[in-house]
Amino acid sequence: MKNSLFTERTHIFSEVVSLAEKWKNAHDESGFQGGTMAAWREFQNTAAGKRLNEMENKLKDYLDTLNFDDIKVIKVVMYLGRDKDYDKSLSTEMIYNSYFDYFNNQGWASKEVEIHQLTGKYPLADYLKSGLNILEVYI
């Protein structure tokens, strides 16, 4: 059974997952393992570094076109998928609402900061797919 909780956002999730997968693949293919800031700056001048930045910018640019409510929903689903800490006896709507309420009670930063939080995680696509699976949302 398909969860209708996010029917109007299915296309958004699909696009974000696709862009995040391309970004993560560019990172994985780059072979960059981290290091000093100097090593990062040097890496950014390579073809792999430029491709990684291009993929990250495409993801950020798309997220920037969304409204703040969409960003909040994406963040909630991403953390649900990352943490997988929820009451399995609850309905998917109640699971989502309990996570949303938690973040809502913590307070939201600006849209830009929330986007930065999302794009600070290379496994973003994996976390989103996991969260969507928990919520029985199929894209």
Protein backbone atom coordinates (compact mmCIF):
# COMPACT_ATOMS: atom_id res chain seq x y z
CA MET A 1 0.00 0.00 0.00
CA LYS A 2 1.37 3.38 -0.96
CA ASN A 3 1.40 6.05 1.72
CA SER A 4 -0.39 9.16 0.50
CA LEU A 5 1.19 11.37 3.17
CA PHE A 6 3.65 12.81 0.65
CA THR A 7 1.80 12.34 -2.64
CA GLU A 8 2.25 16.00 -3.56
CA ARG A 9 5.98 15.78 -2.81
CA THR A 10 6.82 12.52 -4.58
CA HIS A 11 8.44 14.37 -7.49
CA ILE A 12 10.51 16.44 -5.04
CA PHE A 13 11.80 13.37 -3.22
CA SER A 14 12.56 11.69 -6.52
CA GLU A 15 14.59 14.65 -7.75
CA VAL A 16 16.46 15.15 -4.49
CA VAL A 17 17.34 11.45 -4.26
CA SER A 18 18.53 11.44 -7.88
CA LEU A 19 20.72 14.52 -7.42
CA ALA A 20 22.05 13.28 -4.07
CA GLU A 21 22.95 9.91 -5.62
CA LYS A 22 24.88 11.63 -8.41
CA TRP A 23 26.68 13.77 -5.84
CA LYS A 24 27.56 10.76 -3.68
CA ASN A 25 28.71 8.78 -6.74
CA ALA A 26 30.95 11.67 -7.77
CA HIS A 27 32.41 11.66 -4.27
CA ASP A 28 32.90 7.88 -4.22
CA GLU A 29 34.49 7.89 -7.69
CA SER A 30 36.81 10.77 -6.78
CA GLY A 31 38.79 8.67 -4.35
CA PHE A 32 39.26 11.69 -2.07
CA GLN A 33 39.59 10.46 1.51
CA GLY A 34 39.78 13.75 3.32
CA GLY A 35 42.72 15.44 4.94
CA THR A 36 43.91 18.95 5.50
CA MET A 37 42.27 22.07 4.12
CA ALA A 38 45.24 22.42 1.77
CA ALA A 39 44.61 18.90 0.45
CA TRP A 40 40.91 19.75 -0.01
CA ARG A 41 41.72 22.94 -1.93
CA GLU A 42 44.18 21.02 -4.10
CA PHE A 43 41.60 18.30 -4.73
CA GLN A 44 39.00 20.88 -5.75
CA ASN A 45 41.24 21.93 -8.65
CA THR A 46 41.26 18.40 -10.09
CA ALA A 47 38.71 17.14 -12.63
CA ALA A 48 37.18 14.90 -9.96
CA GLY A 49 36.99 17.81 -7.52
CA LYS A 50 35.30 20.02 -10.09
CA ARG A 51 32.79 17.28 -10.89
CA LEU A 52 32.05 16.81 -7.20
CA ASN A 53 31.48 20.55 -6.76
CA GLU A 54 29.26 20.59 -9.85
CA MET A 55 27.09 17.77 -8.48
CA GLU A 56 26.89 19.42 -5.07
CA ASN A 57 25.90 22.74 -6.65
CA LYS A 58 23.15 21.08 -8.68
CA LEU A 59 21.74 19.55 -5.50
CA LYS A 60 22.00 22.84 -3.60
CA ASP A 61 20.48 24.79 -6.50
CA TYR A 62 17.50 22.44 -6.65
CA LEU A 63 16.98 22.52 -2.90
CA ASP A 64 17.14 26.31 -3.06
CA THR A 65 14.16 26.35 -5.46
CA LEU A 66 11.99 24.57 -2.89
CA ASN A 67 9.97 26.32 -0.25
CA PHE A 68 10.97 26.14 3.40
CA ASP A 69 8.18 23.65 4.25
CA ASP A 70 9.57 21.25 1.63
CA ILE A 71 13.05 21.57 3.13
CA LYS A 72 11.65 20.82 6.59
CA VAL A 73 9.92 17.67 5.30
CA ILE A 74 13.11 16.50 3.57
CA LYS A 75 15.11 17.08 6.76
CA VAL A 76 12.65 15.11 8.88
CA VAL A 77 12.61 12.18 6.45
CA MET A 78 16.41 12.27 6.15
CA TYR A 79 16.92 12.06 9.93
CA LEU A 80 14.30 9.35 10.28
CA GLY A 81 16.16 7.33 7.65
CA ARG A 82 19.52 8.00 9.23
CA ASP A 83 18.60 7.30 12.84
CA LYS A 84 15.91 4.65 12.33
CA ASP A 85 14.84 5.37 15.89
CA TYR A 86 11.06 5.19 15.92
CA ASP A 87 8.20 3.26 17.48
CA LYS A 88 7.40 0.50 15.02
CA SER A 89 3.93 0.11 16.50
CA LEU A 90 2.92 3.58 15.26
CA SER A 91 1.33 4.32 11.90
CA THR A 92 3.59 5.88 9.30
CA GLU A 93 1.78 9.18 9.70
CA MET A 94 2.34 9.10 13.47
CA ILE A 95 6.01 8.19 12.98
CA TYR A 96 6.48 11.18 10.67
CA ASN A 97 4.53 13.51 12.95
CA SER A 98 6.54 12.52 16.02
CA TYR A 99 9.81 13.25 14.17
CA PHE A 100 8.44 16.50 12.76
CA ASP A 101 7.21 17.58 16.19
CA TYR A 102 10.66 16.90 17.65
CA PHE A 103 12.36 19.18 15.10
CA ASN A 104 9.60 21.74 15.31
CA ASN A 105 10.05 21.92 19.08
CA GLN A 106 13.82 22.32 18.65
CA GLY A 107 13.20 25.20 16.27
CA TRP A 108 14.25 25.58 12.67
CA ALA A 109 17.25 27.50 11.46
CA SER A 110 17.01 29.50 8.25
CA LYS A 111 16.25 27.72 4.99
CA GLU A 112 19.89 28.19 3.95
CA VAL A 113 21.21 26.59 7.13
CA GLU A 114 18.80 23.66 6.83
CA ILE A 115 19.91 23.11 3.21
CA HIS A 116 23.53 23.23 4.36
CA GLN A 117 22.73 20.56 6.93
CA LEU A 118 21.24 18.32 4.23
CA THR A 119 24.12 18.79 1.83
CA GLY A 120 26.64 18.13 4.55
CA LYS A 121 25.85 14.44 4.35
CA TYR A 122 27.19 12.38 1.45
CA PRO A 123 24.77 9.51 2.26
CA LEU A 124 21.80 11.91 1.92
CA ALA A 125 20.20 9.76 -0.80
CA ASP A 126 20.57 6.61 1.29
CA TYR A 127 19.09 8.31 4.35
CA LEU A 128 16.16 9.66 2.33
CA LYS A 129 15.44 6.30 0.71
CA SER A 130 15.55 4.63 4.13
CA GLY A 131 13.23 7.25 5.63
CA LEU A 132 10.83 6.98 2.74
CA ASN A 133 10.84 3.20 3.06
CA ILE A 134 10.01 3.48 6.78
CA LEU A 135 7.14 5.79 5.86
CA GLU A 136 6.05 3.49 3.02
CA VAL A 137 6.50 6.21 0.43
CA TYR A 138 7.62 4.82 -2.92
CA ILE A 139 9.20 7.09 -5.49
